[in-house]
Amino acid sequence: ARLEAKVERFEPIAGRLALDFVNTVGWRDRSEPEERLASFDDLLSWSRAVGLVSRSERKRLAAQGRLRPSQARAVVERARVLREALHRLFARFAAGQKPARPDLDTLNDVLAQAPGRRRLRHQGRGFVWEASGSRSLESILWEVAWSAADLLIHEAPKSIKRCAGTGCGWLFLDTSRNRTRQWCSMSSCGNRAKAKRHYAKRRRAEWE
């Protein structure tokens, strides 16, 4: 139950795996963002939430992490470095700006370490690439890197949006018909914005 509760902390709302990975920082635009990848177990919980690993794979990888703690910590550190590089890449891409070379190098380094994409796996309503064979401690990062590369190649810059919620900072792929989506999620930031507007309207009415 405790493990499943940790999985539920991660809400895959961005529309692409790489963007959900970037969103493992909560309240990015506040003065003190929330780090949600503090441990290898957190990385596995996120991977479970987005469908990268099954429950049994999660347990197997967690056991590997306990046997090789230094390697597990190194994977988490690489994950956070990749995440921040991707955040900067996507932000500049969405603004129509040239990517910073170090950030692109970070992504390319992970892609260079990954094996060839030889298998397709059905996930949700579509398909994703996966490494052949069983997953390793590092293979989670490979799939994130593949997703990021595909996003940069195939999606229009204007499709990547930043949530308009105060302090949120989450990114998402806007697939709405008129590209008018504003919130990462209507159940969170959207509802908060709605409640704020309602409160302001009521206060104005009281003063009139």
N, C-alpha and C. Protein backbone atom coordinates (compact mmCIF):
# COMPACT_ATOMS: atom_id res chain seq x y z
N ALA A 1 0.83 -1.20 0.00
CA ALA A 1 0.00 0.00 0.00
C ALA A 1 0.86 1.26 0.00
N ARG A 2 1.96 1.23 0.80
CA ARG A 2 2.83 2.39 0.86
C ARG A 2 3.48 2.66 -0.49
N LEU A 3 3.91 1.59 -1.16
CA LEU A 3 4.55 1.76 -2.46
C LEU A 3 3.58 2.31 -3.49
N GLU A 4 2.35 1.81 -3.48
CA GLU A 4 1.35 2.30 -4.43
C GLU A 4 1.01 3.76 -4.15
N ALA A 5 1.05 4.16 -2.88
CA ALA A 5 0.79 5.56 -2.54
C ALA A 5 1.87 6.46 -3.12
N LYS A 6 3.12 5.97 -3.13
CA LYS A 6 4.20 6.75 -3.73
C LYS A 6 4.01 6.87 -5.23
N VAL A 7 3.50 5.81 -5.86
CA VAL A 7 3.22 5.85 -7.30
C VAL A 7 2.17 6.90 -7.61
N GLU A 8 1.15 6.98 -6.76
CA GLU A 8 0.05 7.91 -7.00
C GLU A 8 0.46 9.37 -6.87
N ARG A 9 1.64 9.62 -6.28
CA ARG A 9 2.12 11.00 -6.18
C ARG A 9 2.43 11.58 -7.55
N PHE A 10 2.73 10.72 -8.50
CA PHE A 10 3.13 11.17 -9.83
C PHE A 10 1.93 11.08 -10.76
N GLU A 11 1.54 12.23 -11.28
CA GLU A 11 0.36 12.30 -12.15
C GLU A 11 0.81 12.51 -13.60
N PRO A 12 0.69 11.50 -14.46
CA PRO A 12 1.11 11.67 -15.86
C PRO A 12 0.06 12.45 -16.65
N ILE A 13 0.25 13.75 -16.72
CA ILE A 13 -0.75 14.62 -17.37
C ILE A 13 -0.20 15.35 -18.59
N ALA A 14 1.11 15.20 -18.86
CA ALA A 14 1.75 16.07 -19.84
C ALA A 14 1.51 15.66 -21.29
N GLY A 15 1.15 14.41 -21.52
CA GLY A 15 0.90 13.97 -22.89
C GLY A 15 2.08 13.32 -23.57
N ARG A 16 3.27 13.44 -22.99
CA ARG A 16 4.47 12.78 -23.50
C ARG A 16 5.34 12.38 -22.32
N LEU A 17 5.97 11.23 -22.45
CA LEU A 17 6.78 10.69 -21.37
C LEU A 17 7.85 11.69 -20.91
N ALA A 18 8.57 12.29 -21.85
CA ALA A 18 9.66 13.19 -21.49
C ALA A 18 9.16 14.41 -20.72
N LEU A 19 7.99 14.91 -21.06
CA LEU A 19 7.44 16.06 -20.35
C LEU A 19 6.99 15.66 -18.95
N ASP A 20 6.42 14.46 -18.81
CA ASP A 20 6.08 13.99 -17.47
C ASP A 20 7.33 13.84 -16.62
N PHE A 21 8.43 13.45 -17.24
CA PHE A 21 9.68 13.33 -16.51
C PHE A 21 10.16 14.69 -16.03
N VAL A 22 10.09 15.69 -16.89
CA VAL A 22 10.46 17.06 -16.50
C VAL A 22 9.60 17.53 -15.33
N ASN A 23 8.36 17.08 -15.30
CA ASN A 23 7.43 17.51 -14.26
C ASN A 23 7.62 16.80 -12.92
N THR A 24 8.73 16.09 -12.76
CA THR A 24 9.01 15.49 -11.46
C THR A 24 9.59 16.51 -10.48
N VAL A 25 9.61 17.76 -10.88
CA VAL A 25 9.83 18.87 -9.96
C VAL A 25 8.48 19.54 -9.74
N GLY A 26 8.01 19.57 -8.51
CA GLY A 26 6.74 20.21 -8.21
C GLY A 26 6.92 21.69 -7.92
N TRP A 27 5.98 22.50 -8.36
CA TRP A 27 5.99 23.94 -8.12
C TRP A 27 7.33 24.55 -8.55
N ARG A 28 7.70 24.27 -9.78
CA ARG A 28 9.00 24.69 -10.31
C ARG A 28 9.16 26.21 -10.28
N ASP A 29 8.09 26.96 -10.43
CA ASP A 29 8.21 28.42 -10.51
C ASP A 29 8.16 29.10 -9.14
N ARG A 30 8.11 28.34 -8.06
CA ARG A 30 8.16 28.93 -6.73
C ARG A 30 9.61 29.06 -6.27
N SER A 31 9.80 29.80 -5.20
CA SER A 31 11.16 30.02 -4.70
C SER A 31 11.79 28.74 -4.17
N GLU A 32 10.99 27.80 -3.70
CA GLU A 32 11.49 26.52 -3.20
C GLU A 32 10.75 25.38 -3.89
N PRO A 33 11.19 24.97 -5.09
CA PRO A 33 10.52 23.87 -5.81
C PRO A 33 10.59 22.57 -5.01
N GLU A 34 9.69 21.65 -5.33
CA GLU A 34 9.62 20.36 -4.64
C GLU A 34 10.33 19.29 -5.46
N GLU A 35 11.39 18.73 -4.93
CA GLU A 35 12.11 17.66 -5.60
C GLU A 35 11.39 16.33 -5.36
N ARG A 36 10.94 15.71 -6.46
CA ARG A 36 10.20 14.46 -6.34
C ARG A 36 11.02 13.24 -6.74
N LEU A 37 12.25 13.47 -7.15
CA LEU A 37 13.17 12.37 -7.45
C LEU A 37 14.31 12.41 -6.45
N ALA A 38 13.99 12.21 -5.19
CA ALA A 38 15.00 12.28 -4.14
C ALA A 38 15.74 10.96 -3.96
N SER A 39 15.23 9.88 -4.53
CA SER A 39 15.84 8.57 -4.33
C SER A 39 15.57 7.68 -5.54
N PHE A 40 16.27 6.55 -5.59
CA PHE A 40 16.03 5.58 -6.66
C PHE A 40 14.61 5.02 -6.56
N ASP A 41 14.12 4.88 -5.34
CA ASP A 41 12.75 4.40 -5.16
C ASP A 41 11.75 5.39 -5.76
N ASP A 42 12.03 6.68 -5.64
CA ASP A 42 11.17 7.69 -6.27
C ASP A 42 11.19 7.55 -7.79
N LEU A 43 12.37 7.30 -8.35
CA LEU A 43 12.48 7.13 -9.80
C LEU A 43 11.67 5.92 -10.26
N LEU A 44 11.72 4.84 -9.48
CA LEU A 44 10.94 3.65 -9.82
C LEU A 44 9.45 3.91 -9.67
N SER A 45 9.07 4.67 -8.65
CA SER A 45 7.64 4.99 -8.46
C SER A 45 7.12 5.80 -9.63
N TRP A 46 7.93 6.77 -10.10
CA TRP A 46 7.52 7.54 -11.28
C TRP A 46 7.40 6.62 -12.50
N SER A 47 8.37 5.73 -12.67
CA SER A 47 8.35 4.82 -13.81
C SER A 47 7.12 3.93 -13.80
N ARG A 48 6.71 3.53 -12.62
CA ARG A 48 5.49 2.72 -12.47
C ARG A 48 4.25 3.55 -12.81
N ALA A 49 4.25 4.81 -12.37
CA ALA A 49 3.08 5.68 -12.60
C ALA A 49 2.86 5.94 -14.08
N VAL A 50 3.93 6.07 -14.86
CA VAL A 50 3.79 6.39 -16.28
C VAL A 50 3.76 5.14 -17.16
N GLY A 51 3.83 3.96 -16.53
CA GLY A 51 3.70 2.72 -17.28
C GLY A 51 4.98 2.17 -17.87
N LEU A 52 6.13 2.68 -17.43
CA LEU A 52 7.39 2.18 -17.97
C LEU A 52 7.73 0.80 -17.41
N VAL A 53 7.36 0.55 -16.17
CA VAL A 53 7.66 -0.73 -15.55
C VAL A 53 6.39 -1.31 -14.93
N SER A 54 6.32 -2.62 -14.90
CA SER A 54 5.22 -3.31 -14.23
C SER A 54 5.53 -3.38 -12.74
N ARG A 55 4.57 -3.87 -11.98
CA ARG A 55 4.78 -4.01 -10.54
C ARG A 55 5.93 -4.98 -10.25
N SER A 56 5.98 -6.08 -10.99
CA SER A 56 7.04 -7.06 -10.77
C SER A 56 8.40 -6.50 -11.17
N GLU A 57 8.45 -5.73 -12.28
CA GLU A 57 9.71 -5.12 -12.70
C GLU A 57 10.18 -4.10 -11.67
N ARG A 58 9.24 -3.37 -11.12
CA ARG A 58 9.59 -2.39 -10.09
C ARG A 58 10.25 -3.07 -8.90
N LYS A 59 9.69 -4.18 -8.47
CA LYS A 59 10.26 -4.91 -7.33
C LYS A 59 11.65 -5.44 -7.67
N ARG A 60 11.81 -5.94 -8.90
CA ARG A 60 13.11 -6.49 -9.30
C ARG A 60 14.16 -5.39 -9.36
N LEU A 61 13.82 -4.25 -9.92
CA LEU A 61 14.78 -3.16 -10.02
C LEU A 61 15.08 -2.57 -8.65
N ALA A 62 14.07 -2.54 -7.77
CA ALA A 62 14.31 -2.06 -6.41
C ALA A 62 15.30 -2.96 -5.69
N ALA A 63 15.19 -4.26 -5.91
CA ALA A 63 16.12 -5.21 -5.31
C ALA A 63 17.53 -4.99 -5.86
N GLN A 64 17.63 -4.72 -7.17
CA GLN A 64 18.94 -4.44 -7.76
C GLN A 64 19.55 -3.18 -7.15
N GLY A 65 18.70 -2.18 -6.92
CA GLY A 65 19.17 -0.94 -6.34
C GLY A 65 19.70 -1.13 -4.93
N ARG A 66 19.06 -2.01 -4.18
CA ARG A 66 19.54 -2.28 -2.81
C ARG A 66 20.87 -3.03 -2.84
N LEU A 67 21.06 -3.89 -3.84
CA LEU A 67 22.31 -4.63 -3.95
C LEU A 67 23.44 -3.75 -4.46
N ARG A 68 23.10 -2.73 -5.27
CA ARG A 68 24.11 -1.84 -5.84
C ARG A 68 23.74 -0.39 -5.54
N PRO A 69 23.79 0.00 -4.28
CA PRO A 69 23.31 1.34 -3.89
C PRO A 69 24.08 2.48 -4.55
N SER A 70 25.39 2.33 -4.72
CA SER A 70 26.16 3.41 -5.34
C SER A 70 25.75 3.61 -6.79
N GLN A 71 25.47 2.53 -7.51
CA GLN A 71 25.01 2.63 -8.89
C GLN A 71 23.62 3.24 -8.95
N ALA A 72 22.76 2.85 -8.00
CA ALA A 72 21.40 3.41 -7.95
C ALA A 72 21.45 4.91 -7.72
N ARG A 73 22.30 5.35 -6.80
CA ARG A 73 22.43 6.79 -6.54
C ARG A 73 22.95 7.52 -7.76
N ALA A 74 23.89 6.89 -8.48
CA ALA A 74 24.43 7.51 -9.68
C ALA A 74 23.36 7.65 -10.76
N VAL A 75 22.48 6.67 -10.88
CA VAL A 75 21.38 6.74 -11.85
C VAL A 75 20.45 7.89 -11.52
N VAL A 76 20.13 8.06 -10.24
CA VAL A 76 19.26 9.16 -9.82
C VAL A 76 19.90 10.51 -10.14
N GLU A 77 21.20 10.62 -9.89
CA GLU A 77 21.90 11.87 -10.19
C GLU A 77 21.87 12.14 -11.69
N ARG A 78 22.11 11.13 -12.51
CA ARG A 78 22.05 11.31 -13.96
C ARG A 78 20.63 11.67 -14.40
N ALA A 79 19.66 11.07 -13.73
CA ALA A 79 18.26 11.37 -14.06
C ALA A 79 17.94 12.84 -13.82
N ARG A 80 18.42 13.37 -12.71
CA ARG A 80 18.14 14.78 -12.42
C ARG A 80 18.88 15.71 -13.37
N VAL A 81 20.11 15.35 -13.73
CA VAL A 81 20.85 16.15 -14.70
C VAL A 81 20.14 16.15 -16.05
N LEU A 82 19.70 14.97 -16.49
CA LEU A 82 18.96 14.87 -17.75
C LEU A 82 17.67 15.66 -17.68
N ARG A 83 16.96 15.54 -16.57
CA ARG A 83 15.68 16.26 -16.41
C ARG A 83 15.85 17.76 -16.57
N GLU A 84 16.85 18.34 -15.91
CA GLU A 84 17.02 19.78 -15.99
C GLU A 84 17.48 20.22 -17.37
N ALA A 85 18.30 19.40 -18.03
CA ALA A 85 18.70 19.71 -19.40
C ALA A 85 17.48 19.69 -20.33
N LEU A 86 16.61 18.70 -20.14
CA LEU A 86 15.40 18.62 -20.97
C LEU A 86 14.47 19.79 -20.70
N HIS A 87 14.36 20.19 -19.46
CA HIS A 87 13.50 21.34 -19.15
C HIS A 87 13.98 22.58 -19.90
N ARG A 88 15.28 22.81 -19.88
CA ARG A 88 15.81 23.98 -20.59
C ARG A 88 15.65 23.82 -22.10
N LEU A 89 15.87 22.62 -22.61
CA LEU A 89 15.70 22.37 -24.05
C LEU A 89 14.27 22.65 -24.48
N PHE A 90 13.30 22.10 -23.74
CA PHE A 90 11.89 22.27 -24.11
C PHE A 90 11.46 23.73 -23.98
N ALA A 91 11.94 24.41 -22.95
CA ALA A 91 11.57 25.81 -22.77
C ALA A 91 12.07 26.66 -23.93
N ARG A 92 13.31 26.42 -24.35
CA ARG A 92 13.86 27.17 -25.48
C ARG A 92 13.19 26.75 -26.79
N PHE A 93 12.91 25.47 -26.94
CA PHE A 93 12.24 24.97 -28.13
C PHE A 93 10.86 25.61 -28.27
N ALA A 94 10.12 25.66 -27.16
CA ALA A 94 8.78 26.24 -27.19
C ALA A 94 8.82 27.73 -27.52
N ALA A 95 9.93 28.39 -27.16
CA ALA A 95 10.07 29.82 -27.42
C ALA A 95 10.69 30.09 -28.79
N GLY A 96 10.97 29.03 -29.55
CA GLY A 96 11.56 29.20 -30.86
C GLY A 96 13.01 29.62 -30.82
N GLN A 97 13.69 29.30 -29.71
CA GLN A 97 15.08 29.68 -29.54
C GLN A 97 16.02 28.51 -29.81
N LYS A 98 17.26 28.82 -30.13
CA LYS A 98 18.27 27.80 -30.36
C LYS A 98 18.63 27.13 -29.05
N PRO A 99 18.73 25.79 -29.02
CA PRO A 99 19.07 25.10 -27.77
C PRO A 99 20.49 25.40 -27.34
N ALA A 100 20.71 25.37 -26.02
CA ALA A 100 22.06 25.54 -25.50
C ALA A 100 22.84 24.24 -25.77
N ARG A 101 24.05 24.38 -26.26
CA ARG A 101 24.84 23.21 -26.64
C ARG A 101 25.03 22.21 -25.49
N PRO A 102 25.35 22.65 -24.28
CA PRO A 102 25.53 21.68 -23.18
C PRO A 102 24.28 20.84 -22.91
N ASP A 103 23.10 21.44 -23.04
CA ASP A 103 21.86 20.69 -22.79
C ASP A 103 21.63 19.65 -23.88
N LEU A 104 21.90 20.02 -25.12
CA LEU A 104 21.76 19.06 -26.22
C LEU A 104 22.79 17.95 -26.07
N ASP A 105 23.99 18.30 -25.62
CA ASP A 105 25.02 17.29 -25.40
C ASP A 105 24.59 16.29 -24.32
N THR A 106 23.95 16.79 -23.27
CA THR A 106 23.48 15.90 -22.20
C THR A 106 22.49 14.88 -22.74
N LEU A 107 21.55 15.33 -23.55
CA LEU A 107 20.58 14.42 -24.15
C LEU A 107 21.28 13.44 -25.10
N ASN A 108 22.18 13.94 -25.92
CA ASN A 108 22.87 13.07 -26.87
C ASN A 108 23.75 12.04 -26.18
N ASP A 109 24.32 12.39 -25.04
CA ASP A 109 25.14 11.43 -24.29
C ASP A 109 24.31 10.24 -23.84
N VAL A 110 23.07 10.50 -23.37
CA VAL A 110 22.19 9.40 -22.95
C VAL A 110 21.77 8.57 -24.15
N LEU A 111 21.46 9.26 -25.26
CA LEU A 111 21.07 8.54 -26.48
C LEU A 111 22.21 7.66 -26.98
N ALA A 112 23.44 8.14 -26.85
CA ALA A 112 24.59 7.37 -27.32
C ALA A 112 24.80 6.11 -26.48
N GLN A 113 24.44 6.16 -25.20
CA GLN A 113 24.60 5.02 -24.31
C GLN A 113 23.49 3.99 -24.48
N ALA A 114 22.37 4.43 -25.04
CA ALA A 114 21.21 3.54 -25.17
C ALA A 114 21.41 2.55 -26.32
N PRO A 115 20.85 1.35 -26.19
CA PRO A 115 20.93 0.38 -27.31
C PRO A 115 19.99 0.80 -28.44
N GLY A 116 20.06 0.10 -29.53
CA GLY A 116 19.17 0.38 -30.64
C GLY A 116 17.71 0.14 -30.26
N ARG A 117 16.84 0.93 -30.85
CA ARG A 117 15.40 0.76 -30.58
C ARG A 117 14.87 -0.35 -31.47
N ARG A 118 14.71 -1.53 -30.90
CA ARG A 118 14.35 -2.69 -31.70
C ARG A 118 12.97 -3.25 -31.38
N ARG A 119 12.32 -2.71 -30.37
CA ARG A 119 11.03 -3.26 -29.96
C ARG A 119 10.01 -2.14 -29.77
N LEU A 120 8.78 -2.41 -30.20
CA LEU A 120 7.67 -1.52 -29.92
C LEU A 120 6.81 -2.14 -28.84
N ARG A 121 6.32 -1.29 -27.94
CA ARG A 121 5.43 -1.78 -26.89
C ARG A 121 4.16 -0.94 -26.89
N HIS A 122 3.01 -1.62 -26.81
CA HIS A 122 1.74 -0.90 -26.76
C HIS A 122 1.57 -0.28 -25.39
N GLN A 123 1.27 1.03 -25.36
CA GLN A 123 1.08 1.72 -24.09
C GLN A 123 -0.06 2.72 -24.24
N GLY A 124 -1.08 2.58 -23.41
CA GLY A 124 -2.22 3.48 -23.50
C GLY A 124 -2.91 3.35 -24.84
N ARG A 125 -2.99 4.47 -25.57
CA ARG A 125 -3.64 4.48 -26.88
C ARG A 125 -2.65 4.41 -28.03
N GLY A 126 -1.37 4.26 -27.70
CA GLY A 126 -0.38 4.24 -28.78
C GLY A 126 0.73 3.26 -28.51
N PHE A 127 1.89 3.56 -29.06
CA PHE A 127 3.05 2.68 -28.95
C PHE A 127 4.27 3.48 -28.52
N VAL A 128 5.19 2.81 -27.83
CA VAL A 128 6.43 3.44 -27.43
C VAL A 128 7.58 2.49 -27.73
N TRP A 129 8.78 3.06 -27.89
CA TRP A 129 9.97 2.25 -28.07
C TRP A 129 10.43 1.73 -26.71
N GLU A 130 11.06 0.56 -26.72
CA GLU A 130 11.69 0.05 -25.52
C GLU A 130 12.93 -0.73 -25.90
N ALA A 131 13.85 -0.81 -24.95
CA ALA A 131 15.07 -1.58 -25.19
C ALA A 131 14.73 -3.06 -25.19
N SER A 132 15.43 -3.82 -26.00
CA SER A 132 15.21 -5.26 -26.01
C SER A 132 15.80 -5.87 -24.75
N GLY A 133 15.21 -6.93 -24.27
CA GLY A 133 15.68 -7.58 -23.05
C GLY A 133 15.06 -6.96 -21.82
N SER A 134 15.45 -7.44 -20.66
CA SER A 134 14.89 -6.95 -19.41
C SER A 134 15.46 -5.57 -19.08
N ARG A 135 14.72 -4.79 -18.33
CA ARG A 135 15.17 -3.44 -17.98
C ARG A 135 16.28 -3.50 -16.93
N SER A 136 17.15 -2.50 -17.04
CA SER A 136 18.25 -2.36 -16.08
C SER A 136 18.03 -1.08 -15.30
N LEU A 137 18.94 -0.77 -14.39
CA LEU A 137 18.81 0.45 -13.62
C LEU A 137 18.85 1.68 -14.52
N GLU A 138 19.59 1.59 -15.63
CA GLU A 138 19.76 2.75 -16.52
C GLU A 138 18.71 2.85 -17.62
N SER A 139 18.00 1.77 -17.92
CA SER A 139 17.14 1.75 -19.11
C SER A 139 15.98 2.74 -19.02
N ILE A 140 15.58 3.13 -17.83
CA ILE A 140 14.52 4.13 -17.68
C ILE A 140 14.95 5.43 -18.37
N LEU A 141 16.20 5.80 -18.19
CA LEU A 141 16.70 7.05 -18.78
C LEU A 141 16.74 6.96 -20.30
N TRP A 142 17.00 5.78 -20.83
CA TRP A 142 17.02 5.61 -22.29
C TRP A 142 15.65 5.93 -22.87
N GLU A 143 14.61 5.42 -22.25
CA GLU A 143 13.27 5.62 -22.79
C GLU A 143 12.84 7.08 -22.67
N VAL A 144 13.26 7.75 -21.61
CA VAL A 144 13.01 9.18 -21.48
C VAL A 144 13.71 9.93 -22.60
N ALA A 145 14.96 9.59 -22.86
CA ALA A 145 15.74 10.27 -23.90
C ALA A 145 15.11 10.05 -25.28
N TRP A 146 14.67 8.83 -25.57
CA TRP A 146 14.00 8.57 -26.85
C TRP A 146 12.74 9.44 -26.99
N SER A 147 11.97 9.51 -25.92
CA SER A 147 10.75 10.32 -25.95
C SER A 147 11.09 11.79 -26.20
N ALA A 148 12.13 12.28 -25.54
CA ALA A 148 12.53 13.68 -25.72
C ALA A 148 12.96 13.95 -27.16
N ALA A 149 13.75 13.05 -27.72
CA ALA A 149 14.21 13.23 -29.10
C ALA A 149 13.03 13.23 -30.07
N ASP A 150 12.11 12.30 -29.90
CA ASP A 150 10.94 12.24 -30.78
C ASP A 150 10.10 13.51 -30.66
N LEU A 151 9.99 14.01 -29.45
CA LEU A 151 9.20 15.23 -29.23
C LEU A 151 9.83 16.42 -29.94
N LEU A 152 11.13 16.55 -29.83
CA LEU A 152 11.82 17.67 -30.46
C LEU A 152 11.78 17.57 -31.99
N ILE A 153 11.78 16.35 -32.50
CA ILE A 153 11.80 16.16 -33.95
C ILE A 153 10.41 16.31 -34.57
N HIS A 154 9.41 15.75 -33.91
CA HIS A 154 8.11 15.60 -34.56
C HIS A 154 7.03 16.60 -34.12
N GLU A 155 7.19 17.26 -33.01
CA GLU A 155 6.15 18.17 -32.55
C GLU A 155 6.49 19.62 -32.86
N ALA A 156 5.48 20.41 -33.13
CA ALA A 156 5.68 21.84 -33.38
C ALA A 156 6.00 22.55 -32.06
N PRO A 157 6.89 23.54 -32.07
CA PRO A 157 7.25 24.24 -30.83
C PRO A 157 6.04 24.77 -30.07
N LYS A 158 5.05 25.30 -30.78
CA LYS A 158 3.91 25.92 -30.11
C LYS A 158 3.03 24.90 -29.40
N SER A 159 3.28 23.61 -29.63
CA SER A 159 2.48 22.58 -28.97
C SER A 159 2.89 22.37 -27.51
N ILE A 160 4.12 22.77 -27.16
CA ILE A 160 4.57 22.63 -25.78
C ILE A 160 4.19 23.88 -25.01
N LYS A 161 3.44 23.71 -23.95
CA LYS A 161 2.95 24.82 -23.14
C LYS A 161 3.44 24.70 -21.71
N ARG A 162 3.48 25.83 -21.04
CA ARG A 162 3.81 25.90 -19.62
C ARG A 162 2.52 26.23 -18.88
N CYS A 163 2.23 25.50 -17.82
CA CYS A 163 1.00 25.71 -17.09
C CYS A 163 0.89 27.15 -16.60
N ALA A 164 -0.30 27.72 -16.76
CA ALA A 164 -0.54 29.11 -16.34
C ALA A 164 -0.82 29.23 -14.85
N GLY A 165 -0.87 28.11 -14.14
CA GLY A 165 -1.12 28.15 -12.70
C GLY A 165 0.01 28.84 -11.97
N THR A 166 -0.32 29.68 -11.01
CA THR A 166 0.67 30.43 -10.25
C THR A 166 1.65 29.50 -9.55
N GLY A 167 2.93 29.62 -9.90
CA GLY A 167 3.96 28.84 -9.26
C GLY A 167 4.12 27.42 -9.77
N CYS A 168 3.26 26.96 -10.68
CA CYS A 168 3.27 25.56 -11.11
C CYS A 168 4.51 25.25 -11.95
N GLY A 169 4.55 25.78 -13.17
CA GLY A 169 5.71 25.58 -14.02
C GLY A 169 5.74 24.27 -14.78
N TRP A 170 4.71 23.42 -14.64
CA TRP A 170 4.71 22.15 -15.36
C TRP A 170 4.52 22.39 -16.86
N LEU A 171 5.13 21.50 -17.64
CA LEU A 171 5.00 21.54 -19.09
C LEU A 171 4.02 20.47 -19.56
N PHE A 172 3.39 20.71 -20.70
CA PHE A 172 2.49 19.71 -21.27
C PHE A 172 2.39 19.93 -22.76
N LEU A 173 1.94 18.90 -23.46
CA LEU A 173 1.72 18.97 -24.90
C LEU A 173 0.27 19.34 -25.14
N ASP A 174 0.05 20.49 -25.74
CA ASP A 174 -1.31 20.96 -25.99
C ASP A 174 -1.82 20.36 -27.29
N THR A 175 -2.70 19.39 -27.17
CA THR A 175 -3.28 18.75 -28.34
C THR A 175 -4.73 19.19 -28.57
N SER A 176 -5.16 20.23 -27.87
CA SER A 176 -6.53 20.72 -28.07
C SER A 176 -6.67 21.29 -29.48
N ARG A 177 -7.89 21.33 -29.97
CA ARG A 177 -8.13 21.71 -31.37
C ARG A 177 -7.57 23.09 -31.71
N ASN A 178 -7.80 24.07 -30.83
CA ASN A 178 -7.37 25.43 -31.11
C ASN A 178 -6.11 25.84 -30.33
N ARG A 179 -5.44 24.86 -29.73
CA ARG A 179 -4.23 25.12 -28.94
C ARG A 179 -4.51 26.16 -27.85
N THR A 180 -5.61 25.95 -27.11
CA THR A 180 -6.02 26.92 -26.09
C THR A 180 -5.92 26.37 -24.67
N ARG A 181 -5.37 25.18 -24.51
CA ARG A 181 -5.24 24.63 -23.16
C ARG A 181 -4.28 25.50 -22.34
N GLN A 182 -4.66 25.80 -21.10
CA GLN A 182 -3.86 26.66 -20.24
C GLN A 182 -3.26 25.95 -19.04
N TRP A 183 -3.92 24.89 -18.59
CA TRP A 183 -3.56 24.30 -17.32
C TRP A 183 -2.96 22.91 -17.49
N CYS A 184 -2.06 22.56 -16.58
CA CYS A 184 -1.52 21.20 -16.60
C CYS A 184 -2.64 20.20 -16.34
N SER A 185 -3.58 20.59 -15.48
CA SER A 185 -4.72 19.73 -15.15
C SER A 185 -5.86 20.60 -14.64
N MET A 186 -7.07 20.36 -15.14
CA MET A 186 -8.22 21.12 -14.66
C MET A 186 -8.55 20.75 -13.22
N SER A 187 -8.20 19.54 -12.79
CA SER A 187 -8.52 19.12 -11.43
C SER A 187 -7.60 19.75 -10.39
N SER A 188 -6.50 20.37 -10.84
CA SER A 188 -5.59 21.00 -9.88
C SER A 188 -5.49 22.49 -10.17
N CYS A 189 -4.57 22.87 -11.05
CA CYS A 189 -4.37 24.29 -11.32
C CYS A 189 -5.61 24.95 -11.94
N GLY A 190 -6.31 24.22 -12.79
CA GLY A 190 -7.51 24.79 -13.39
C GLY A 190 -8.57 25.12 -12.36
N ASN A 191 -8.79 24.23 -11.42
CA ASN A 191 -9.77 24.47 -10.36
C ASN A 191 -9.33 25.59 -9.43
N ARG A 192 -8.01 25.65 -9.14
CA ARG A 192 -7.52 26.73 -8.28
C ARG A 192 -7.73 28.09 -8.94
N ALA A 193 -7.47 28.16 -10.25
CA ALA A 193 -7.66 29.42 -10.96
C ALA A 193 -9.15 29.79 -10.99
N LYS A 194 -10.00 28.80 -11.18
CA LYS A 194 -11.44 29.04 -11.19
C LYS A 194 -11.92 29.56 -9.85
N ALA A 195 -11.43 28.93 -8.77
CA ALA A 195 -11.82 29.36 -7.42
C ALA A 195 -11.31 30.78 -7.13
N LYS A 196 -10.10 31.08 -7.62
CA LYS A 196 -9.55 32.42 -7.41
C LYS A 196 -10.37 33.47 -8.13
N ARG A 197 -10.79 33.18 -9.36
CA ARG A 197 -11.62 34.12 -10.11
C ARG A 197 -12.96 34.31 -9.43
N HIS A 198 -13.53 33.22 -8.93
CA HIS A 198 -14.83 33.30 -8.24
C HIS A 198 -14.72 34.15 -6.99
N TYR A 199 -13.63 33.97 -6.24
CA TYR A 199 -13.44 34.75 -5.02
C TYR A 199 -13.29 36.23 -5.34
N ALA A 200 -12.49 36.53 -6.38
CA ALA A 200 -12.28 37.93 -6.75
C ALA A 200 -13.59 38.57 -7.21
N LYS A 201 -14.38 37.82 -7.97
CA LYS A 201 -15.67 38.35 -8.44
C LYS A 201 -16.60 38.62 -7.27
N ARG A 202 -16.61 37.72 -6.28
CA ARG A 202 -17.48 37.91 -5.11
C ARG A 202 -17.03 39.11 -4.30
N ARG A 203 -15.71 39.30 -4.16
CA ARG A 203 -15.20 40.44 -3.40
C ARG A 203 -15.55 41.74 -4.10
N ARG A 204 -15.49 41.76 -5.44
CA ARG A 204 -15.86 42.98 -6.16
C ARG A 204 -17.32 43.30 -5.95
N ALA A 205 -18.16 42.25 -5.96
CA ALA A 205 -19.59 42.46 -5.77
C ALA A 205 -19.89 43.02 -4.38
N GLU A 206 -19.11 42.59 -3.38
CA GLU A 206 -19.33 43.08 -2.03
C GLU A 206 -18.99 44.55 -1.87
N TRP A 207 -18.03 45.03 -2.69
CA TRP A 207 -17.61 46.42 -2.60
C TRP A 207 -18.46 47.35 -3.46
N GLU A 208 -19.25 46.79 -4.35
CA GLU A 208 -20.08 47.62 -5.23
C GLU A 208 -21.37 48.03 -4.53
